[in-house]
Amino acid sequence: MSNAYILKPVAYTLLIVAIITGALAMWSETLKINVSVNTGELHWRFKPGSEIVKDECGTGSLDWNATYLTNGSVGAERIDDAKDVGCTSAHFYDTDGDSDLDTLNITIHNGYPWYYTHVAFAVENDGTIPLKIWKVVIHGRTTYEITSSTGMRLDLTGDGKPDVLIWWGDNFGKQLHPGDYADISLEIVVLQDAPENANLTISITMYAIQWNEYDSAMSSTTSPI
């Protein structure tokens, strides 16, 4: 057999390999897109120095009496025979060491039935994105609005009887842009069934949510009040 007949298939094979190799050797260039996202911060705090107490301890102020509760109204007055018996203290604290005030402690000293106090303060958006005041958890009860004129009666001692009445100033849904603040207040009345010589502690936690999630969050919740 002639070598020419053997070389022809080999030549064809080499030619095909050369074509494929040439195709693979074509120049190419890759373009890359790198996306960087710097996320914002949802953060708020109690505004320093904003606390105002109606019957502040150490001021010699005469006590307020929740007389209007007898007709279902919220409010108080100083009766003719008012005394300086009880008082209220309110202080902000930074509990996690981040230099932001995150806790408000309110203490009623020497309280008694019908003793009334009022505490006001401000919360401030010190983050970088807008937020809305979403909900408040008061002694384990979550609410997204308080519309009842009688407020919220709480059993703090577990005896089945309400010890205090609390009224929360309605600022739910308030939108705060970075640097903005909102005034909030609450009223507390010691009720007739409160025990003597007791330390009554009310636990209150406030929550905010980013502004564009508020409507969808509210649509899936209902208030127990």
N, C-alpha and C. Protein backbone atom coordinates (compact mmCIF):
# COMPACT_ATOMS: atom_id res chain seq x y z
N MET A 1 0.87 -1.19 0.00
CA MET A 1 0.00 0.00 0.00
C MET A 1 0.89 1.23 0.00
N SER A 2 0.50 2.18 -0.80
CA SER A 2 1.31 3.39 -0.93
C SER A 2 1.20 4.22 0.33
N ASN A 3 2.32 4.81 0.70
CA ASN A 3 2.31 5.70 1.87
C ASN A 3 1.43 6.91 1.65
N ALA A 4 1.19 7.26 0.41
CA ALA A 4 0.36 8.43 0.12
C ALA A 4 -1.06 8.21 0.61
N TYR A 5 -1.53 6.95 0.44
CA TYR A 5 -2.90 6.67 0.92
C TYR A 5 -3.00 6.70 2.44
N ILE A 6 -1.91 6.41 3.13
CA ILE A 6 -1.90 6.44 4.58
C ILE A 6 -1.84 7.87 5.08
N LEU A 7 -1.09 8.71 4.41
CA LEU A 7 -0.88 10.08 4.85
C LEU A 7 -2.10 10.96 4.62
N LYS A 8 -2.91 10.64 3.63
CA LYS A 8 -4.07 11.50 3.35
C LYS A 8 -5.03 11.59 4.54
N PRO A 9 -5.46 10.46 5.12
CA PRO A 9 -6.35 10.59 6.31
C PRO A 9 -5.68 11.33 7.45
N VAL A 10 -4.40 11.12 7.61
CA VAL A 10 -3.68 11.82 8.67
C VAL A 10 -3.68 13.31 8.41
N ALA A 11 -3.50 13.67 7.18
CA ALA A 11 -3.48 15.09 6.81
C ALA A 11 -4.83 15.73 7.07
N TYR A 12 -5.90 15.02 6.70
CA TYR A 12 -7.24 15.55 6.97
C TYR A 12 -7.47 15.74 8.47
N THR A 13 -7.03 14.75 9.24
CA THR A 13 -7.19 14.83 10.70
C THR A 13 -6.44 16.03 11.25
N LEU A 14 -5.22 16.24 10.82
CA LEU A 14 -4.43 17.38 11.28
C LEU A 14 -5.08 18.70 10.88
N LEU A 15 -5.68 18.73 9.69
CA LEU A 15 -6.33 19.94 9.22
C LEU A 15 -7.52 20.28 10.11
N ILE A 16 -8.31 19.25 10.47
CA ILE A 16 -9.48 19.49 11.34
C ILE A 16 -9.02 19.97 12.71
N VAL A 17 -7.97 19.33 13.24
CA VAL A 17 -7.45 19.75 14.54
C VAL A 17 -6.97 21.20 14.49
N ALA A 18 -6.34 21.56 13.41
CA ALA A 18 -5.84 22.93 13.26
C ALA A 18 -6.98 23.94 13.23
N ILE A 19 -8.06 23.56 12.53
CA ILE A 19 -9.22 24.47 12.46
C ILE A 19 -9.83 24.66 13.84
N ILE A 20 -10.01 23.54 14.57
CA ILE A 20 -10.61 23.63 15.92
C ILE A 20 -9.72 24.43 16.84
N THR A 21 -8.41 24.16 16.75
CA THR A 21 -7.47 24.89 17.61
C THR A 21 -7.49 26.37 17.31
N GLY A 22 -7.63 26.69 16.05
CA GLY A 22 -7.70 28.09 15.65
C GLY A 22 -8.94 28.76 16.21
N ALA A 23 -10.04 28.03 16.19
CA ALA A 23 -11.28 28.59 16.71
C ALA A 23 -11.17 28.84 18.22
N LEU A 24 -10.53 27.87 18.90
CA LEU A 24 -10.37 28.02 20.34
C LEU A 24 -9.38 29.12 20.69
N ALA A 25 -8.54 29.45 19.79
CA ALA A 25 -7.51 30.45 20.06
C ALA A 25 -7.99 31.87 19.76
N MET A 26 -9.25 31.99 19.38
CA MET A 26 -9.76 33.33 19.10
C MET A 26 -9.72 34.19 20.35
N TRP A 27 -9.42 35.44 20.17
CA TRP A 27 -9.35 36.35 21.32
C TRP A 27 -10.73 36.51 21.95
N SER A 28 -10.74 36.71 23.28
CA SER A 28 -11.99 36.96 24.01
C SER A 28 -11.71 37.93 25.15
N GLU A 29 -12.75 38.57 25.59
CA GLU A 29 -12.61 39.53 26.69
C GLU A 29 -13.83 39.42 27.59
N THR A 30 -13.61 39.44 28.88
CA THR A 30 -14.69 39.31 29.86
C THR A 30 -14.94 40.65 30.54
N LEU A 31 -16.19 41.03 30.61
CA LEU A 31 -16.59 42.23 31.34
C LEU A 31 -17.23 41.83 32.66
N LYS A 32 -16.84 42.47 33.72
CA LYS A 32 -17.37 42.17 35.05
C LYS A 32 -18.11 43.38 35.62
N ILE A 33 -19.15 43.09 36.36
CA ILE A 33 -19.89 44.14 37.07
C ILE A 33 -19.86 43.82 38.55
N ASN A 34 -19.29 44.71 39.33
CA ASN A 34 -19.26 44.56 40.77
C ASN A 34 -20.28 45.53 41.39
N VAL A 35 -21.21 45.01 42.17
CA VAL A 35 -22.23 45.82 42.79
C VAL A 35 -21.93 45.93 44.29
N SER A 36 -21.82 47.17 44.78
CA SER A 36 -21.59 47.39 46.20
C SER A 36 -22.83 48.02 46.83
N VAL A 37 -23.23 47.49 47.95
CA VAL A 37 -24.39 48.02 48.67
C VAL A 37 -23.95 48.37 50.08
N ASN A 38 -24.06 49.64 50.42
CA ASN A 38 -23.82 50.08 51.78
C ASN A 38 -25.17 50.24 52.46
N THR A 39 -25.50 49.33 53.37
CA THR A 39 -26.83 49.34 53.97
C THR A 39 -26.97 50.46 54.98
N GLY A 40 -28.21 50.94 55.13
CA GLY A 40 -28.50 51.97 56.12
C GLY A 40 -28.70 51.35 57.49
N GLU A 41 -29.05 52.19 58.44
CA GLU A 41 -29.25 51.73 59.81
C GLU A 41 -30.61 52.19 60.32
N LEU A 42 -31.42 51.23 60.77
CA LEU A 42 -32.68 51.55 61.44
C LEU A 42 -32.38 51.63 62.93
N HIS A 43 -32.41 52.81 63.46
CA HIS A 43 -32.03 52.98 64.86
C HIS A 43 -32.72 54.20 65.44
N TRP A 44 -33.22 54.04 66.65
CA TRP A 44 -33.80 55.18 67.35
C TRP A 44 -33.48 55.08 68.82
N ARG A 45 -33.74 56.16 69.53
CA ARG A 45 -33.36 56.23 70.94
C ARG A 45 -34.26 57.22 71.65
N PHE A 46 -34.20 57.20 72.98
CA PHE A 46 -34.83 58.26 73.76
C PHE A 46 -33.97 59.52 73.62
N LYS A 47 -34.63 60.62 73.37
CA LYS A 47 -33.90 61.87 73.20
C LYS A 47 -33.38 62.36 74.55
N PRO A 48 -32.08 62.55 74.67
CA PRO A 48 -31.50 62.96 75.96
C PRO A 48 -32.14 64.24 76.50
N GLY A 49 -32.46 64.22 77.78
CA GLY A 49 -33.00 65.40 78.44
C GLY A 49 -34.45 65.71 78.15
N SER A 50 -35.15 64.82 77.48
CA SER A 50 -36.53 65.12 77.07
C SER A 50 -37.57 64.68 78.09
N GLU A 51 -37.17 63.98 79.14
CA GLU A 51 -38.16 63.47 80.09
C GLU A 51 -38.76 64.59 80.94
N ILE A 52 -40.07 64.56 81.08
CA ILE A 52 -40.82 65.53 81.89
C ILE A 52 -41.76 64.74 82.79
N VAL A 53 -41.70 65.01 84.09
CA VAL A 53 -42.50 64.27 85.06
C VAL A 53 -43.44 65.23 85.78
N LYS A 54 -44.71 64.87 85.85
CA LYS A 54 -45.71 65.77 86.44
C LYS A 54 -45.51 65.92 87.96
N ASP A 55 -45.24 64.81 88.64
CA ASP A 55 -45.08 64.86 90.10
C ASP A 55 -43.68 64.35 90.45
N GLU A 56 -42.68 65.09 90.01
CA GLU A 56 -41.30 64.64 90.13
C GLU A 56 -40.84 64.66 91.58
N CYS A 57 -40.12 63.62 91.95
CA CYS A 57 -39.60 63.52 93.31
C CYS A 57 -38.61 64.65 93.59
N GLY A 58 -38.65 65.15 94.82
CA GLY A 58 -37.71 66.18 95.24
C GLY A 58 -38.15 67.59 94.94
N THR A 59 -39.31 67.75 94.34
CA THR A 59 -39.77 69.10 93.99
C THR A 59 -40.77 69.66 95.01
N GLY A 60 -41.24 68.82 95.93
CA GLY A 60 -42.23 69.28 96.89
C GLY A 60 -43.60 69.48 96.30
N SER A 61 -43.84 68.86 95.15
CA SER A 61 -45.11 69.03 94.45
C SER A 61 -46.22 68.27 95.15
N LEU A 62 -47.40 68.87 95.22
CA LEU A 62 -48.55 68.20 95.79
C LEU A 62 -49.08 67.14 94.83
N ASP A 63 -49.62 66.06 95.37
CA ASP A 63 -50.06 64.92 94.57
C ASP A 63 -51.29 65.25 93.72
N TRP A 64 -51.41 64.53 92.62
CA TRP A 64 -52.57 64.62 91.75
C TRP A 64 -53.47 63.41 92.01
N ASN A 65 -54.75 63.63 91.98
CA ASN A 65 -55.73 62.60 92.28
C ASN A 65 -56.58 62.31 91.04
N ALA A 66 -56.72 61.02 90.70
CA ALA A 66 -57.44 60.62 89.49
C ALA A 66 -58.95 60.64 89.73
N THR A 67 -59.44 61.76 90.13
CA THR A 67 -60.87 61.90 90.46
C THR A 67 -61.76 61.62 89.27
N TYR A 68 -61.32 62.00 88.07
CA TYR A 68 -62.18 61.89 86.89
C TYR A 68 -62.43 60.45 86.47
N LEU A 69 -61.69 59.48 87.03
CA LEU A 69 -61.92 58.09 86.66
C LEU A 69 -63.31 57.62 87.08
N THR A 70 -63.88 58.26 88.05
CA THR A 70 -65.21 57.86 88.51
C THR A 70 -66.28 58.06 87.45
N ASN A 71 -66.03 58.96 86.49
CA ASN A 71 -67.00 59.15 85.40
C ASN A 71 -66.44 58.68 84.06
N GLY A 72 -65.38 57.87 84.11
CA GLY A 72 -64.84 57.26 82.90
C GLY A 72 -63.91 58.13 82.09
N SER A 73 -63.52 59.27 82.61
CA SER A 73 -62.62 60.17 81.88
C SER A 73 -61.18 59.98 82.32
N VAL A 74 -60.27 60.33 81.44
CA VAL A 74 -58.85 60.30 81.76
C VAL A 74 -58.45 61.69 82.23
N GLY A 75 -57.69 61.76 83.29
CA GLY A 75 -57.25 63.05 83.78
C GLY A 75 -57.22 63.06 85.29
N ALA A 76 -56.76 64.15 85.87
CA ALA A 76 -56.62 64.22 87.32
C ALA A 76 -56.72 65.66 87.78
N GLU A 77 -56.82 65.83 89.07
CA GLU A 77 -56.86 67.15 89.66
C GLU A 77 -56.18 67.11 91.03
N ARG A 78 -55.89 68.25 91.54
CA ARG A 78 -55.42 68.34 92.92
C ARG A 78 -56.64 68.65 93.79
N ILE A 79 -56.95 67.72 94.65
CA ILE A 79 -58.12 67.92 95.50
C ILE A 79 -57.82 69.00 96.54
N ASP A 80 -58.87 69.48 97.17
CA ASP A 80 -58.71 70.60 98.12
C ASP A 80 -57.74 70.27 99.25
N ASP A 81 -57.73 69.00 99.66
CA ASP A 81 -56.88 68.60 100.77
C ASP A 81 -55.64 67.86 100.27
N ALA A 82 -55.08 68.30 99.16
CA ALA A 82 -53.95 67.62 98.53
C ALA A 82 -52.74 67.58 99.46
N LYS A 83 -52.01 66.46 99.37
CA LYS A 83 -50.81 66.27 100.18
C LYS A 83 -49.64 65.91 99.27
N ASP A 84 -48.43 66.08 99.78
CA ASP A 84 -47.23 65.63 99.08
C ASP A 84 -46.83 64.28 99.70
N VAL A 85 -47.47 63.21 99.22
CA VAL A 85 -47.24 61.88 99.77
C VAL A 85 -46.42 61.03 98.81
N GLY A 86 -46.93 60.84 97.60
CA GLY A 86 -46.22 60.06 96.60
C GLY A 86 -45.41 60.95 95.67
N CYS A 87 -44.58 60.33 94.84
CA CYS A 87 -43.83 61.08 93.81
C CYS A 87 -43.38 60.10 92.74
N THR A 88 -42.92 60.65 91.64
CA THR A 88 -42.53 59.84 90.48
C THR A 88 -41.14 60.24 90.02
N SER A 89 -40.34 59.24 89.69
CA SER A 89 -39.03 59.50 89.09
C SER A 89 -38.95 58.82 87.73
N ALA A 90 -38.26 59.44 86.79
CA ALA A 90 -38.10 58.89 85.45
C ALA A 90 -36.70 59.21 84.95
N HIS A 91 -35.97 58.15 84.54
CA HIS A 91 -34.58 58.34 84.10
C HIS A 91 -34.29 57.44 82.91
N PHE A 92 -33.52 57.98 81.96
CA PHE A 92 -33.06 57.22 80.81
C PHE A 92 -31.75 56.50 81.15
N TYR A 93 -31.54 55.34 80.49
CA TYR A 93 -30.30 54.58 80.69
C TYR A 93 -29.83 53.99 79.36
N ASP A 94 -28.53 53.83 79.27
CA ASP A 94 -27.91 53.11 78.16
C ASP A 94 -27.54 51.73 78.69
N THR A 95 -28.30 50.71 78.29
CA THR A 95 -28.09 49.38 78.86
C THR A 95 -27.16 48.50 78.05
N ASP A 96 -26.86 48.89 76.79
CA ASP A 96 -26.00 48.03 75.98
C ASP A 96 -24.65 48.67 75.65
N GLY A 97 -24.38 49.83 76.25
CA GLY A 97 -23.06 50.43 76.11
C GLY A 97 -22.73 51.06 74.77
N ASP A 98 -23.78 51.38 73.96
CA ASP A 98 -23.52 51.97 72.65
C ASP A 98 -23.68 53.49 72.66
N SER A 99 -23.78 54.06 73.84
CA SER A 99 -23.90 55.52 74.04
C SER A 99 -25.27 56.06 73.66
N ASP A 100 -26.22 55.19 73.33
CA ASP A 100 -27.59 55.61 73.04
C ASP A 100 -28.49 55.22 74.20
N LEU A 101 -29.41 56.10 74.55
CA LEU A 101 -30.34 55.84 75.63
C LEU A 101 -31.45 54.92 75.13
N ASP A 102 -31.51 53.71 75.65
CA ASP A 102 -32.46 52.72 75.15
C ASP A 102 -33.49 52.28 76.17
N THR A 103 -33.38 52.74 77.41
CA THR A 103 -34.29 52.29 78.47
C THR A 103 -34.76 53.48 79.29
N LEU A 104 -36.05 53.48 79.59
CA LEU A 104 -36.64 54.49 80.48
C LEU A 104 -37.19 53.79 81.70
N ASN A 105 -36.67 54.12 82.86
CA ASN A 105 -37.18 53.58 84.12
C ASN A 105 -38.07 54.61 84.80
N ILE A 106 -39.32 54.23 85.05
CA ILE A 106 -40.27 55.08 85.76
C ILE A 106 -40.62 54.40 87.08
N THR A 107 -40.49 55.12 88.16
CA THR A 107 -40.78 54.56 89.47
C THR A 107 -41.73 55.48 90.23
N ILE A 108 -42.81 54.90 90.71
CA ILE A 108 -43.73 55.63 91.59
C ILE A 108 -43.37 55.27 93.03
N HIS A 109 -43.02 56.28 93.79
CA HIS A 109 -42.62 56.07 95.17
C HIS A 109 -43.80 56.36 96.11
N ASN A 110 -44.05 55.43 97.03
CA ASN A 110 -45.10 55.59 98.04
C ASN A 110 -46.46 55.85 97.39
N GLY A 111 -46.76 55.07 96.35
CA GLY A 111 -48.03 55.22 95.66
C GLY A 111 -49.19 54.67 96.47
N TYR A 112 -50.40 55.08 96.10
CA TYR A 112 -51.61 54.66 96.81
C TYR A 112 -52.77 54.79 95.83
N PRO A 113 -53.92 54.14 96.12
CA PRO A 113 -55.05 54.19 95.19
C PRO A 113 -55.47 55.62 94.85
N TRP A 114 -55.65 55.84 93.54
CA TRP A 114 -56.05 57.09 92.92
C TRP A 114 -54.87 58.06 92.74
N TYR A 115 -53.66 57.62 93.14
CA TYR A 115 -52.49 58.45 92.83
C TYR A 115 -52.31 58.47 91.32
N TYR A 116 -52.06 59.66 90.79
CA TYR A 116 -51.96 59.86 89.34
C TYR A 116 -50.62 60.52 89.00
N THR A 117 -50.01 60.06 87.91
CA THR A 117 -48.80 60.72 87.43
C THR A 117 -48.78 60.73 85.91
N HIS A 118 -48.00 61.62 85.37
CA HIS A 118 -47.89 61.80 83.92
C HIS A 118 -46.42 61.96 83.57
N VAL A 119 -45.96 61.17 82.60
CA VAL A 119 -44.56 61.23 82.16
C VAL A 119 -44.53 61.46 80.66
N ALA A 120 -43.77 62.45 80.23
CA ALA A 120 -43.62 62.74 78.80
C ALA A 120 -42.14 62.62 78.43
N PHE A 121 -41.89 62.27 77.18
CA PHE A 121 -40.52 62.13 76.69
C PHE A 121 -40.55 62.18 75.17
N ALA A 122 -39.39 62.11 74.57
CA ALA A 122 -39.30 62.13 73.11
C ALA A 122 -38.42 60.98 72.64
N VAL A 123 -38.77 60.42 71.49
CA VAL A 123 -37.92 59.43 70.82
C VAL A 123 -37.40 60.04 69.54
N GLU A 124 -36.17 59.69 69.21
CA GLU A 124 -35.46 60.35 68.11
C GLU A 124 -34.88 59.32 67.14
N ASN A 125 -35.01 59.59 65.85
CA ASN A 125 -34.40 58.75 64.83
C ASN A 125 -32.94 59.16 64.68
N ASP A 126 -32.04 58.35 65.23
CA ASP A 126 -30.61 58.65 65.07
C ASP A 126 -29.95 57.66 64.12
N GLY A 127 -30.78 57.02 63.28
CA GLY A 127 -30.27 56.15 62.23
C GLY A 127 -30.14 56.91 60.92
N THR A 128 -30.16 56.18 59.80
CA THR A 128 -29.96 56.80 58.49
C THR A 128 -31.13 56.59 57.54
N ILE A 129 -32.16 55.88 57.96
CA ILE A 129 -33.32 55.68 57.09
C ILE A 129 -34.59 56.06 57.86
N PRO A 130 -35.63 56.51 57.16
CA PRO A 130 -36.88 56.87 57.85
C PRO A 130 -37.52 55.65 58.52
N LEU A 131 -38.24 55.90 59.59
CA LEU A 131 -38.92 54.83 60.31
C LEU A 131 -40.29 55.31 60.76
N LYS A 132 -41.11 54.36 61.16
CA LYS A 132 -42.41 54.67 61.73
C LYS A 132 -42.55 53.93 63.06
N ILE A 133 -43.18 54.60 64.02
CA ILE A 133 -43.47 53.96 65.30
C ILE A 133 -44.52 52.89 65.04
N TRP A 134 -44.19 51.64 65.37
CA TRP A 134 -44.99 50.50 64.94
C TRP A 134 -45.92 49.99 66.03
N LYS A 135 -45.34 49.61 67.16
CA LYS A 135 -46.16 48.99 68.20
C LYS A 135 -45.50 49.19 69.56
N VAL A 136 -46.25 48.86 70.59
CA VAL A 136 -45.72 48.92 71.95
C VAL A 136 -46.19 47.66 72.67
N VAL A 137 -45.29 47.08 73.46
CA VAL A 137 -45.62 45.93 74.28
C VAL A 137 -45.62 46.41 75.73
N ILE A 138 -46.79 46.38 76.36
CA ILE A 138 -46.95 46.86 77.72
C ILE A 138 -47.28 45.66 78.61
N HIS A 139 -46.34 45.31 79.48
CA HIS A 139 -46.51 44.19 80.41
C HIS A 139 -46.94 42.93 79.66
N GLY A 140 -46.28 42.67 78.53
CA GLY A 140 -46.54 41.46 77.76
C GLY A 140 -47.70 41.55 76.79
N ARG A 141 -48.41 42.66 76.76
CA ARG A 141 -49.55 42.82 75.86
C ARG A 141 -49.15 43.74 74.71
N THR A 142 -49.26 43.21 73.49
CA THR A 142 -48.87 43.96 72.30
C THR A 142 -50.06 44.72 71.74
N THR A 143 -49.82 45.98 71.43
CA THR A 143 -50.88 46.77 70.82
C THR A 143 -50.29 47.69 69.76
N TYR A 144 -51.07 47.94 68.73
CA TYR A 144 -50.66 48.79 67.62
C TYR A 144 -51.43 50.12 67.63
N GLU A 145 -52.35 50.24 68.54
CA GLU A 145 -53.08 51.48 68.73
C GLU A 145 -53.81 51.40 70.06
N ILE A 146 -54.01 52.52 70.68
CA ILE A 146 -54.82 52.58 71.89
C ILE A 146 -55.89 53.62 71.66
N THR A 147 -57.12 53.15 71.51
CA THR A 147 -58.21 54.07 71.19
C THR A 147 -59.24 54.14 72.32
N SER A 148 -59.16 53.22 73.26
CA SER A 148 -60.13 53.21 74.34
C SER A 148 -59.87 54.36 75.31
N SER A 149 -60.92 55.09 75.67
CA SER A 149 -60.76 56.22 76.58
C SER A 149 -60.46 55.76 78.01
N THR A 150 -60.65 54.46 78.26
CA THR A 150 -60.39 53.95 79.60
C THR A 150 -58.97 53.43 79.76
N GLY A 151 -58.17 53.46 78.70
CA GLY A 151 -56.78 53.03 78.80
C GLY A 151 -56.64 51.53 78.97
N MET A 152 -55.53 51.10 79.55
CA MET A 152 -55.22 49.69 79.72
C MET A 152 -55.03 49.39 81.21
N ARG A 153 -55.84 48.50 81.74
CA ARG A 153 -55.72 48.10 83.14
C ARG A 153 -54.83 46.88 83.24
N LEU A 154 -53.87 46.91 84.16
CA LEU A 154 -52.86 45.86 84.24
C LEU A 154 -52.83 45.24 85.62
N ASP A 155 -52.79 43.92 85.64
CA ASP A 155 -52.58 43.16 86.87
C ASP A 155 -51.08 42.88 86.97
N LEU A 156 -50.39 43.58 87.82
CA LEU A 156 -48.94 43.46 87.93
C LEU A 156 -48.51 42.45 88.99
N THR A 157 -49.43 42.00 89.84
CA THR A 157 -49.08 41.11 90.94
C THR A 157 -49.59 39.69 90.74
N GLY A 158 -50.39 39.47 89.70
CA GLY A 158 -50.87 38.13 89.41
C GLY A 158 -52.01 37.65 90.29
N ASP A 159 -52.69 38.56 90.96
CA ASP A 159 -53.80 38.14 91.82
C ASP A 159 -55.15 38.25 91.13
N GLY A 160 -55.14 38.55 89.84
CA GLY A 160 -56.38 38.64 89.09
C GLY A 160 -57.08 39.97 89.19
N LYS A 161 -56.48 40.93 89.88
CA LYS A 161 -57.08 42.25 90.04
C LYS A 161 -56.17 43.31 89.44
N PRO A 162 -56.73 44.30 88.73
CA PRO A 162 -55.89 45.34 88.13
C PRO A 162 -55.26 46.23 89.18
N ASP A 163 -53.98 46.47 89.04
CA ASP A 163 -53.23 47.29 89.99
C ASP A 163 -53.04 48.72 89.51
N VAL A 164 -52.88 48.89 88.20
CA VAL A 164 -52.67 50.22 87.65
C VAL A 164 -53.43 50.36 86.36
N LEU A 165 -53.69 51.58 86.00
CA LEU A 165 -54.24 51.92 84.69
C LEU A 165 -53.20 52.75 83.97
N ILE A 166 -52.95 52.43 82.71
CA ILE A 166 -51.98 53.19 81.93
C ILE A 166 -52.64 53.67 80.64
N TRP A 167 -52.37 54.90 80.32
CA TRP A 167 -52.85 55.50 79.07
C TRP A 167 -51.64 55.93 78.27
N TRP A 168 -51.55 55.44 77.03
CA TRP A 168 -50.40 55.70 76.18
C TRP A 168 -50.78 56.72 75.11
N GLY A 169 -50.07 57.83 75.07
CA GLY A 169 -50.34 58.83 74.04
C GLY A 169 -50.16 58.24 72.65
N ASP A 170 -51.14 58.40 71.80
CA ASP A 170 -51.17 57.71 70.51
C ASP A 170 -50.27 58.40 69.48
N ASN A 171 -49.10 57.82 69.26
CA ASN A 171 -48.21 58.28 68.19
C ASN A 171 -47.87 57.14 67.25
N PHE A 172 -48.71 56.11 67.23
CA PHE A 172 -48.47 54.98 66.35
C PHE A 172 -48.57 55.43 64.89
N GLY A 173 -47.65 54.95 64.08
CA GLY A 173 -47.62 55.32 62.67
C GLY A 173 -46.91 56.62 62.39
N LYS A 174 -46.41 57.28 63.41
CA LYS A 174 -45.68 58.53 63.23
C LYS A 174 -44.38 58.27 62.48
N GLN A 175 -44.17 58.99 61.38
CA GLN A 175 -42.95 58.81 60.58
C GLN A 175 -41.87 59.77 61.04
N LEU A 176 -40.69 59.22 61.26
CA LEU A 176 -39.54 60.01 61.69
C LEU A 176 -38.42 59.87 60.67
N HIS A 177 -38.02 60.97 60.08
CA HIS A 177 -36.84 60.97 59.22
C HIS A 177 -35.60 61.09 60.10
N PRO A 178 -34.43 60.73 59.57
CA PRO A 178 -33.21 60.86 60.38
C PRO A 178 -33.08 62.25 60.99
N GLY A 179 -32.90 62.28 62.30
CA GLY A 179 -32.80 63.55 63.02
C GLY A 179 -34.10 64.05 63.58
N ASP A 180 -35.24 63.50 63.11
CA ASP A 180 -36.55 63.91 63.63
C ASP A 180 -36.85 63.22 64.96
N TYR A 181 -37.76 63.80 65.72
CA TYR A 181 -38.19 63.17 66.96
C TYR A 181 -39.69 63.35 67.14
N ALA A 182 -40.26 62.51 68.00
CA ALA A 182 -41.69 62.56 68.29
C ALA A 182 -41.89 62.59 69.79
N ASP A 183 -42.83 63.42 70.22
CA ASP A 183 -43.18 63.49 71.64
C ASP A 183 -44.18 62.39 71.97
N ILE A 184 -43.94 61.72 73.08
CA ILE A 184 -44.82 60.64 73.55
C ILE A 184 -45.06 60.86 75.04
N SER A 185 -46.21 60.47 75.50
CA SER A 185 -46.49 60.60 76.93
C SER A 185 -47.32 59.41 77.40
N LEU A 186 -47.28 59.18 78.68
CA LEU A 186 -48.12 58.15 79.27
C LEU A 186 -48.60 58.62 80.64
N GLU A 187 -49.77 58.14 80.99
CA GLU A 187 -50.38 58.45 82.29
C GLU A 187 -50.53 57.16 83.07
N ILE A 188 -50.30 57.21 84.36
CA ILE A 188 -50.42 56.04 85.21
C ILE A 188 -51.27 56.39 86.42
N VAL A 189 -52.21 55.51 86.72
CA VAL A 189 -53.05 55.66 87.91
C VAL A 189 -52.93 54.38 88.74
N VAL A 190 -52.68 54.53 90.03
CA VAL A 190 -52.69 53.38 90.94
C VAL A 190 -54.15 53.11 91.31
N LEU A 191 -54.58 51.86 91.12
CA LEU A 191 -55.99 51.52 91.31
C LEU A 191 -56.26 50.98 92.71
N GLN A 192 -57.54 50.85 93.01
CA GLN A 192 -57.98 50.49 94.36
C GLN A 192 -57.46 49.12 94.82
N ASP A 193 -57.31 48.18 93.86
CA ASP A 193 -56.92 46.82 94.23
C ASP A 193 -55.41 46.63 94.32
N ALA A 194 -54.63 47.67 94.16
CA ALA A 194 -53.18 47.54 94.29
C ALA A 194 -52.83 47.19 95.74
N PRO A 195 -51.93 46.24 95.96
CA PRO A 195 -51.59 45.85 97.34
C PRO A 195 -50.68 46.88 98.01
N GLU A 196 -50.70 46.89 99.32
CA GLU A 196 -49.81 47.76 100.08
C GLU A 196 -48.38 47.21 100.08
N ASN A 197 -47.43 48.11 100.29
CA ASN A 197 -46.02 47.73 100.43
C ASN A 197 -45.53 46.86 99.26
N ALA A 198 -45.93 47.21 98.07
CA ALA A 198 -45.55 46.43 96.89
C ALA A 198 -44.77 47.30 95.90
N ASN A 199 -43.80 46.68 95.25
CA ASN A 199 -43.10 47.32 94.15
C ASN A 199 -43.77 46.90 92.85
N LEU A 200 -44.50 47.80 92.23
CA LEU A 200 -45.24 47.50 91.01
C LEU A 200 -44.42 47.96 89.81
N THR A 201 -44.00 47.01 89.00
CA THR A 201 -43.15 47.31 87.85
C THR A 201 -43.91 47.10 86.55
N ILE A 202 -43.95 48.10 85.72
CA ILE A 202 -44.59 48.02 84.41
C ILE A 202 -43.50 47.92 83.35
N SER A 203 -43.53 46.86 82.58
CA SER A 203 -42.55 46.66 81.51
C SER A 203 -43.13 47.17 80.20
N ILE A 204 -42.43 48.12 79.57
CA ILE A 204 -42.89 48.71 78.31
C ILE A 204 -41.77 48.65 77.28
N THR A 205 -42.06 48.10 76.12
CA THR A 205 -41.08 48.04 75.03
C THR A 205 -41.69 48.64 73.78
N MET A 206 -40.97 49.57 73.16
CA MET A 206 -41.45 50.22 71.95
C MET A 206 -40.71 49.67 70.73
N TYR A 207 -41.42 49.60 69.61
CA TYR A 207 -40.83 49.08 68.38
C TYR A 207 -41.08 50.06 67.23
N ALA A 208 -40.07 50.18 66.37
CA ALA A 208 -40.19 50.97 65.14
C ALA A 208 -39.90 50.05 63.96
N ILE A 209 -40.37 50.46 62.79
CA ILE A 209 -40.18 49.67 61.59
C ILE A 209 -39.83 50.62 60.45
N GLN A 210 -39.11 50.14 59.44
CA GLN A 210 -38.78 51.03 58.33
C GLN A 210 -40.06 51.51 57.66
N TRP A 211 -40.04 52.76 57.22
CA TRP A 211 -41.28 53.43 56.83
C TRP A 211 -42.05 52.71 55.73
N ASN A 212 -41.36 52.06 54.78
CA ASN A 212 -42.05 51.45 53.64
C ASN A 212 -42.60 50.07 53.96
N GLU A 213 -42.37 49.55 55.18
CA GLU A 213 -42.91 48.26 55.57
C GLU A 213 -44.11 48.40 56.50
N TYR A 214 -44.41 49.63 56.90
CA TYR A 214 -45.43 49.83 57.93
C TYR A 214 -46.82 49.36 57.47
N ASP A 215 -47.24 49.77 56.29
CA ASP A 215 -48.59 49.42 55.83
C ASP A 215 -48.77 47.92 55.70
N SER A 216 -47.78 47.23 55.13
CA SER A 216 -47.91 45.78 54.97
C SER A 216 -47.87 45.07 56.32
N ALA A 217 -47.08 45.59 57.26
CA ALA A 217 -47.03 44.99 58.59
C ALA A 217 -48.35 45.17 59.31
N MET A 218 -48.96 46.35 59.17
CA MET A 218 -50.21 46.62 59.85
C MET A 218 -51.37 45.82 59.24
N SER A 219 -51.30 45.54 57.95
CA SER A 219 -52.38 44.81 57.31
C SER A 219 -52.50 43.37 57.80
N SER A 220 -51.44 42.87 58.40
CA SER A 220 -51.46 41.48 58.89
C SER A 220 -51.58 41.38 60.39
N THR A 221 -51.89 42.51 61.04
CA THR A 221 -51.99 42.50 62.50
C THR A 221 -53.29 43.15 62.94
N THR A 222 -53.71 42.81 64.12
CA THR A 222 -54.86 43.46 64.73
C THR A 222 -54.52 43.78 66.16
N SER A 223 -55.09 44.83 66.68
CA SER A 223 -54.81 45.26 68.05
C SER A 223 -55.76 44.57 69.02
N PRO A 224 -55.23 44.16 70.19
CA PRO A 224 -56.09 43.52 71.18
C PRO A 224 -56.94 44.51 71.96
N ILE A 225 -56.76 45.81 71.72
CA ILE A 225 -57.49 46.81 72.50
C ILE A 225 -58.59 47.42 71.64
